[in-house]
Amino acid sequence: EVFAEEIISICTREEIDLLIPMTDWTMVPISRVCDRFPASCSVALPPEKSMVAAADKYQTVELARSMGIAVPRTELVTSLDQLAALKDLSFPVVVKDRYSIRWIEQGGVSGSVRYAYNQDELSRIVGERLAVVQDVLLQEFVHGAGMGLAGFVSPTQLRIPFEWKRIREINPCGSASSARRSVALEDDMLQHSEKLLLGLGFRGLAMVEFKREAKTGRAVFMEVNGRPWGSMQLCLFSGIDFPKFLANFYLQNELPPERIEFKKGITCRWLLGDLVHLRNVMAGRPRGWPGDFPGFLSTALKVVVPWYQIGRAHV
């Protein structure tokens, strides 16, 4: 409440034309006081109902499933007693929070993602998390490359779609990317993303995360980020100025074009994230990890000499 009041005060005093909440931490507090901003200040937020729905990882997985979109097996767990009935789980199991930020009274609790490699570890991790939040998700591990598809959602379509592939992730076992590359649009991801975002009633900028399954090539839906995303700079380097189009929409009620031919093969990295990635690679493959894991030497060369291309080594 104090944060929201201060933002209102700044926007009023500085005669701000447009306020863009950028993160999960800021969107909900601002959405609760939207009616108290000066009439001259536009607030770039999607409809509150769709914003809340997009942030709910369980709800979006269930929506995707109902639409015939491939999703990992996902169980919502509210007590340790439920684990006894889940005998056919395939390890490792991904234990993740239902929300990136869960709002409790006046505060927010950060979400977490952890991996359980056996039943005892699963019980311990779930028990620790249920002591903090009221429910957690258990999710099947999907082998494959992380993919993202983003765009501007109008009432009828997903405009200026843009797609990229994760080249390196901060945590090699799965996390936000430290390096990513623009790639050509793929029909399945484009259709799935548009169907999901329109089904949520979403409006504005959003990105949808997938994994391209290694064995089948299927695009498996993971989650929706109903906000400006962390790798926005790649879009700018590739030729789509999402911030400009967002500002034009809220300030001039001008929709972006349906498509823009963007550059493919552009690579963008976050240096600090790459260094953390290298540290995690140096620590070695986690016990029980079933997927590919990068080798230290090839990773070090790629981080130190960004244009160095070498076949990915595994250990």
Protein backbone atom coordinates (compact mmCIF):
# COMPACT_ATOMS: atom_id res chain seq x y z
CA GLU A 1 0.00 0.00 0.00
CA VAL A 2 2.84 2.40 0.84
CA PHE A 3 4.55 1.57 -2.47
CA ALA A 4 1.37 2.13 -4.47
CA GLU A 5 0.68 5.44 -2.73
CA GLU A 6 4.19 6.66 -3.47
CA ILE A 7 3.86 5.77 -7.17
CA ILE A 8 0.57 7.67 -7.37
CA SER A 9 2.23 10.64 -5.70
CA ILE A 10 5.17 10.62 -8.16
CA CYS A 11 2.89 10.32 -11.20
CA THR A 12 0.78 13.22 -9.98
CA ARG A 13 3.70 15.47 -9.04
CA GLU A 14 5.73 14.79 -12.20
CA GLU A 15 2.70 14.81 -14.51
CA ILE A 16 3.55 11.35 -15.82
CA ASP A 17 1.75 10.39 -19.05
CA LEU A 18 2.30 6.63 -18.94
CA LEU A 19 3.20 4.21 -16.16
CA ILE A 20 4.37 0.72 -17.13
CA PRO A 21 4.53 -1.83 -14.28
CA MET A 22 7.32 -4.18 -15.38
CA THR A 23 7.42 -7.07 -12.93
CA ASP A 24 5.21 -9.50 -11.01
CA TRP A 25 6.19 -7.56 -7.88
CA THR A 26 4.71 -4.28 -9.14
CA MET A 27 1.71 -5.28 -11.27
CA VAL A 28 -0.67 -6.42 -8.54
CA PRO A 29 -0.09 -3.50 -6.12
CA ILE A 30 -0.56 -1.00 -8.98
CA SER A 31 -3.65 -2.81 -10.33
CA ARG A 32 -5.36 -2.43 -6.94
CA VAL A 33 -5.16 1.37 -7.09
CA CYS A 34 -5.59 2.05 -10.82
CA ASP A 35 -8.70 4.15 -10.21
CA ARG A 36 -6.70 6.57 -8.02
CA PHE A 37 -4.20 7.69 -10.67
CA PRO A 38 -4.69 11.09 -12.34
CA ALA A 39 -6.90 10.92 -15.41
CA SER A 40 -3.96 12.16 -17.50
CA CYS A 41 -1.80 9.17 -16.50
CA SER A 42 -2.37 5.93 -18.42
CA VAL A 43 -1.41 2.69 -16.67
CA ALA A 44 -0.21 -0.10 -18.97
CA LEU A 45 -1.90 -3.10 -17.38
CA PRO A 46 -4.05 -5.88 -18.84
CA PRO A 47 -7.58 -6.40 -17.46
CA GLU A 48 -7.17 -7.46 -13.83
CA LYS A 49 -9.04 -10.75 -14.21
CA SER A 50 -6.87 -11.88 -17.13
CA MET A 51 -3.71 -10.64 -15.40
CA VAL A 52 -4.45 -12.77 -12.33
CA ALA A 53 -5.38 -15.78 -14.48
CA ALA A 54 -2.18 -15.52 -16.54
CA ALA A 55 -0.10 -15.46 -13.36
CA ASP A 56 -1.69 -18.70 -12.11
CA LYS A 57 0.53 -21.50 -13.47
CA TYR A 58 -2.00 -24.21 -12.58
CA GLN A 59 -4.91 -22.41 -14.21
CA THR A 60 -2.96 -21.77 -17.42
CA VAL A 61 -1.80 -25.41 -17.63
CA GLU A 62 -5.38 -26.59 -17.19
CA LEU A 63 -6.61 -24.13 -19.83
CA ALA A 64 -3.94 -25.32 -22.26
CA ARG A 65 -4.85 -28.95 -21.58
CA SER A 66 -8.53 -28.22 -22.28
CA MET A 67 -7.52 -26.68 -25.62
CA GLY A 68 -5.59 -29.78 -26.71
CA ILE A 69 -2.17 -28.18 -26.20
CA ALA A 70 0.57 -30.49 -24.93
CA VAL A 71 1.42 -29.85 -21.26
CA PRO A 72 3.55 -31.69 -18.69
CA ARG A 73 1.67 -33.78 -16.20
CA THR A 74 0.85 -31.37 -13.36
CA GLU A 75 -0.57 -32.08 -9.90
CA LEU A 76 -1.78 -29.46 -7.43
CA VAL A 77 -0.81 -30.51 -3.89
CA THR A 78 -2.17 -28.90 -0.74
CA SER A 79 -1.00 -31.45 1.85
CA LEU A 80 1.67 -34.11 2.28
CA ASP A 81 -1.08 -36.74 2.54
CA GLN A 82 -1.74 -36.36 -1.18
CA LEU A 83 1.74 -37.63 -2.06
CA ALA A 84 0.85 -41.15 -0.95
CA ALA A 85 -1.70 -41.40 -3.77
CA LEU A 86 0.79 -40.27 -6.42
CA LYS A 87 2.69 -43.52 -6.80
CA ASP A 88 3.43 -43.29 -10.53
CA LEU A 89 5.49 -40.11 -10.51
CA SER A 90 8.53 -40.09 -12.78
CA PHE A 91 11.63 -38.55 -11.19
CA PRO A 92 12.98 -35.95 -11.19
CA VAL A 93 9.80 -34.12 -10.25
CA VAL A 94 9.70 -30.35 -10.63
CA VAL A 95 8.28 -28.72 -7.50
CA LYS A 96 7.18 -25.18 -8.28
CA ASP A 97 4.98 -22.54 -6.77
CA ARG A 98 1.63 -21.79 -8.36
CA TYR A 99 2.58 -18.10 -8.64
CA SER A 100 5.87 -16.28 -9.21
CA ILE A 101 4.70 -13.90 -6.47
CA ARG A 102 1.95 -14.91 -4.07
CA TRP A 103 0.30 -12.00 -2.32
CA ILE A 104 -0.56 -12.61 1.33
CA GLU A 105 -2.23 -9.73 3.16
CA GLN A 106 0.16 -6.79 2.70
CA GLY A 107 3.19 -8.73 1.53
CA GLY A 108 4.47 -10.89 -1.31
CA VAL A 109 6.14 -14.30 -1.18
CA SER A 110 8.57 -15.17 -3.97
CA GLY A 111 7.94 -18.39 -5.83
CA SER A 112 10.54 -21.12 -6.11
CA VAL A 113 11.40 -24.03 -8.42
CA ARG A 114 13.21 -27.11 -7.10
CA TYR A 115 13.86 -30.66 -8.29
CA ALA A 116 13.14 -33.82 -6.31
CA TYR A 117 15.04 -36.95 -7.36
CA ASN A 118 13.32 -39.48 -5.09
CA GLN A 119 10.26 -39.88 -2.87
CA ASP A 120 11.96 -38.84 0.37
CA GLU A 121 13.36 -35.70 -1.23
CA LEU A 122 9.95 -34.92 -2.71
CA SER A 123 8.26 -35.18 0.69
CA ARG A 124 10.88 -32.95 2.29
CA ILE A 125 10.72 -30.23 -0.40
CA VAL A 126 6.91 -30.22 -0.53
CA GLY A 127 6.71 -30.09 3.28
CA GLU A 128 9.11 -27.15 3.43
CA ARG A 129 7.15 -25.25 0.80
CA LEU A 130 3.70 -25.96 2.28
CA ALA A 131 4.95 -24.40 5.51
CA VAL A 132 5.21 -21.12 3.56
CA VAL A 133 2.39 -21.26 0.97
CA GLN A 134 -0.92 -23.11 0.79
CA ASP A 135 -0.27 -25.24 -2.30
CA VAL A 136 2.49 -26.29 -4.72
CA LEU A 137 2.64 -27.81 -8.17
CA LEU A 138 4.32 -31.12 -8.98
CA GLN A 139 5.26 -31.22 -12.63
CA GLU A 140 6.69 -33.83 -14.96
CA PHE A 141 10.18 -33.01 -16.19
CA VAL A 142 10.25 -32.26 -19.93
CA HIS A 143 13.43 -32.95 -21.89
CA GLY A 144 13.96 -30.27 -24.51
CA ALA A 145 15.04 -26.77 -25.47
CA GLY A 146 13.41 -23.75 -23.83
CA MET A 147 11.50 -21.57 -26.28
CA GLY A 148 9.65 -18.27 -26.00
CA LEU A 149 6.99 -16.62 -28.16
CA ALA A 150 5.92 -13.06 -27.44
CA GLY A 151 3.67 -10.43 -28.94
CA PHE A 152 1.01 -7.82 -28.41
CA VAL A 153 -2.45 -9.24 -27.68
CA SER A 154 -5.37 -7.34 -29.22
CA PRO A 155 -9.02 -8.39 -28.76
CA THR A 156 -8.87 -10.59 -31.86
CA GLN A 157 -5.27 -11.70 -32.45
CA LEU A 158 -1.67 -11.92 -31.32
CA ARG A 159 0.13 -9.14 -33.21
CA ILE A 160 3.85 -8.72 -34.01
CA PRO A 161 4.76 -12.24 -32.83
CA PHE A 162 8.42 -12.87 -32.06
CA GLU A 163 10.12 -16.17 -31.23
CA TRP A 164 13.44 -17.13 -29.65
CA LYS A 165 15.35 -20.13 -28.36
CA ARG A 166 17.29 -20.31 -25.12
CA ILE A 167 20.96 -20.94 -25.83
CA ARG A 168 22.08 -20.98 -22.20
CA GLU A 169 20.08 -20.87 -18.98
CA ILE A 170 21.34 -19.39 -15.73
CA ASN A 171 20.72 -22.77 -14.14
CA PRO A 172 21.52 -25.47 -16.74
CA CYS A 173 18.78 -27.61 -15.20
CA GLY A 174 16.20 -24.97 -16.15
CA SER A 175 15.67 -21.30 -15.39
CA ALA A 176 15.61 -17.89 -17.08
CA SER A 177 18.02 -17.63 -19.99
CA SER A 178 21.44 -16.01 -19.86
CA ALA A 179 21.74 -16.17 -23.68
CA ARG A 180 19.06 -16.51 -26.33
CA ARG A 181 18.72 -16.36 -30.13
CA SER A 182 15.93 -15.13 -32.41
CA VAL A 183 14.46 -17.88 -34.61
CA ALA A 184 11.79 -18.16 -37.30
CA LEU A 185 8.18 -18.36 -36.15
CA GLU A 186 6.86 -21.89 -35.82
CA ASP A 187 3.18 -22.44 -36.54
CA ASP A 188 2.42 -24.67 -33.56
CA MET A 189 3.83 -22.27 -30.98
CA LEU A 190 2.19 -19.30 -32.67
CA GLN A 191 -1.23 -20.95 -32.78
CA HIS A 192 -1.01 -22.27 -29.23
CA SER A 193 0.11 -18.89 -27.86
CA GLU A 194 -2.64 -16.97 -29.62
CA LYS A 195 -5.32 -19.43 -28.55
CA LEU A 196 -4.17 -19.35 -24.92
CA LEU A 197 -3.82 -15.58 -24.60
CA LEU A 198 -7.16 -14.87 -26.27
CA GLY A 199 -8.74 -17.57 -24.09
CA LEU A 200 -7.46 -15.77 -21.01
CA GLY A 201 -8.98 -12.51 -22.26
CA PHE A 202 -5.51 -11.00 -22.10
CA ARG A 203 -4.62 -7.60 -23.63
CA GLY A 204 -1.19 -6.01 -24.09
CA LEU A 205 2.33 -7.44 -24.05
CA ALA A 206 2.81 -11.07 -23.06
CA MET A 207 5.11 -14.00 -23.70
CA VAL A 208 4.45 -17.72 -23.58
CA GLU A 209 7.09 -20.26 -22.57
CA PHE A 210 7.39 -23.70 -24.18
CA LYS A 211 9.82 -26.58 -24.28
CA ARG A 212 10.46 -28.19 -27.64
CA GLU A 213 10.44 -31.85 -26.61
CA ALA A 214 13.66 -33.57 -27.66
CA LYS A 215 12.15 -36.94 -28.62
CA THR A 216 8.91 -35.89 -30.32
CA GLY A 217 9.56 -32.30 -31.39
CA ARG A 218 6.29 -31.24 -29.74
CA ALA A 219 5.92 -27.75 -28.32
CA VAL A 220 5.01 -28.37 -24.66
CA PHE A 221 3.41 -25.42 -22.89
CA MET A 222 5.08 -24.33 -19.65
CA GLU A 223 3.69 -20.95 -18.52
CA VAL A 224 2.54 -17.44 -19.44
CA ASN A 225 4.33 -14.22 -18.49
CA GLY A 226 1.65 -11.55 -18.76
CA ARG A 227 4.08 -8.64 -18.62
CA PRO A 228 7.19 -7.26 -20.34
CA TRP A 229 9.73 -10.10 -20.32
CA GLY A 230 13.37 -10.14 -19.28
CA SER A 231 14.90 -10.76 -22.72
CA MET A 232 13.22 -7.75 -24.35
CA GLN A 233 16.54 -6.44 -25.67
CA LEU A 234 16.77 -9.35 -28.12
CA CYS A 235 13.50 -8.20 -29.71
CA LEU A 236 14.89 -4.68 -30.15
CA PHE A 237 18.13 -5.95 -31.71
CA SER A 238 16.08 -8.17 -34.03
CA GLY A 239 13.87 -5.33 -35.25
CA ILE A 240 10.70 -5.23 -33.15
CA ASP A 241 10.41 -2.27 -30.79
CA PHE A 242 7.85 -3.61 -28.35
CA PRO A 243 8.21 -0.70 -25.87
CA LYS A 244 7.40 1.81 -28.63
CA PHE A 245 4.31 -0.12 -29.72
CA LEU A 246 3.17 -0.47 -26.11
CA ALA A 247 3.51 3.29 -25.54
CA ASN A 248 1.72 4.10 -28.81
CA PHE A 249 -1.20 1.89 -27.82
CA TYR A 250 -1.73 3.41 -24.39
CA LEU A 251 -0.98 7.02 -25.37
CA GLN A 252 -2.53 7.14 -28.85
CA ASN A 253 -4.81 4.08 -28.93
CA GLU A 254 -2.79 2.82 -31.92
CA LEU A 255 -2.55 -0.92 -32.48
CA PRO A 256 0.79 -2.33 -33.66
CA PRO A 257 1.00 -3.98 -37.10
CA GLU A 258 -0.06 -7.60 -37.46
CA ARG A 259 3.44 -8.78 -38.42
CA ILE A 260 6.97 -7.43 -38.67
CA GLU A 261 9.69 -9.38 -40.47
CA PHE A 262 12.36 -9.56 -37.77
CA LYS A 263 16.00 -10.67 -38.04
CA LYS A 264 16.70 -14.34 -37.30
CA GLY A 265 19.89 -15.68 -35.77
CA ILE A 266 20.51 -12.64 -33.57
CA THR A 267 22.05 -13.66 -30.25
CA CYS A 268 21.76 -11.58 -27.09
CA ARG A 269 23.20 -12.43 -23.70
CA TRP A 270 23.23 -11.17 -20.13
CA LEU A 271 26.87 -11.27 -19.03
CA LEU A 272 26.22 -11.63 -15.30
CA GLY A 273 23.73 -14.41 -15.99
CA ASP A 274 26.30 -16.14 -18.22
CA LEU A 275 28.88 -16.01 -15.43
CA VAL A 276 26.39 -17.55 -12.99
CA HIS A 277 25.62 -20.19 -15.65
CA LEU A 278 29.35 -20.96 -15.88
CA ARG A 279 29.60 -21.28 -12.10
CA ASN A 280 26.66 -23.70 -12.10
CA VAL A 281 28.24 -25.74 -14.90
CA MET A 282 31.50 -25.86 -12.94
CA ALA A 283 29.62 -27.32 -9.97
CA GLY A 284 28.80 -30.33 -12.14
CA ARG A 285 25.77 -32.37 -13.05
CA PRO A 286 23.38 -32.72 -10.07
CA ARG A 287 23.02 -36.22 -8.69
CA GLY A 288 20.20 -37.96 -10.51
CA TRP A 289 19.88 -35.35 -13.27
CA PRO A 290 18.45 -37.15 -16.35
CA GLY A 291 18.91 -34.52 -19.05
CA ASP A 292 21.86 -33.23 -21.02
CA PHE A 293 24.34 -31.19 -19.05
CA PRO A 294 26.91 -28.84 -20.63
CA GLY A 295 30.63 -29.47 -20.37
CA PHE A 296 32.77 -26.89 -18.60
CA LEU A 297 35.40 -26.28 -21.31
CA SER A 298 32.95 -25.65 -24.16
CA THR A 299 30.82 -23.46 -21.89
CA ALA A 300 33.80 -21.41 -20.75
CA LEU A 301 34.82 -20.79 -24.37
CA LYS A 302 31.30 -19.69 -25.31
CA VAL A 303 31.08 -17.33 -22.34
CA VAL A 304 34.56 -15.83 -22.74
CA VAL A 305 34.44 -15.66 -26.56
CA PRO A 306 30.74 -15.14 -27.38
CA TRP A 307 31.17 -15.79 -31.13
CA TYR A 308 32.98 -19.09 -30.48
CA GLN A 309 30.84 -21.91 -31.89
CA ILE A 310 31.50 -25.46 -30.78
CA GLY A 311 29.33 -28.53 -30.61
CA ARG A 312 27.80 -28.81 -27.18
CA ALA A 313 29.83 -31.17 -25.03
CA HIS A 314 28.22 -33.35 -22.40
CA VAL A 315 29.54 -34.94 -19.25
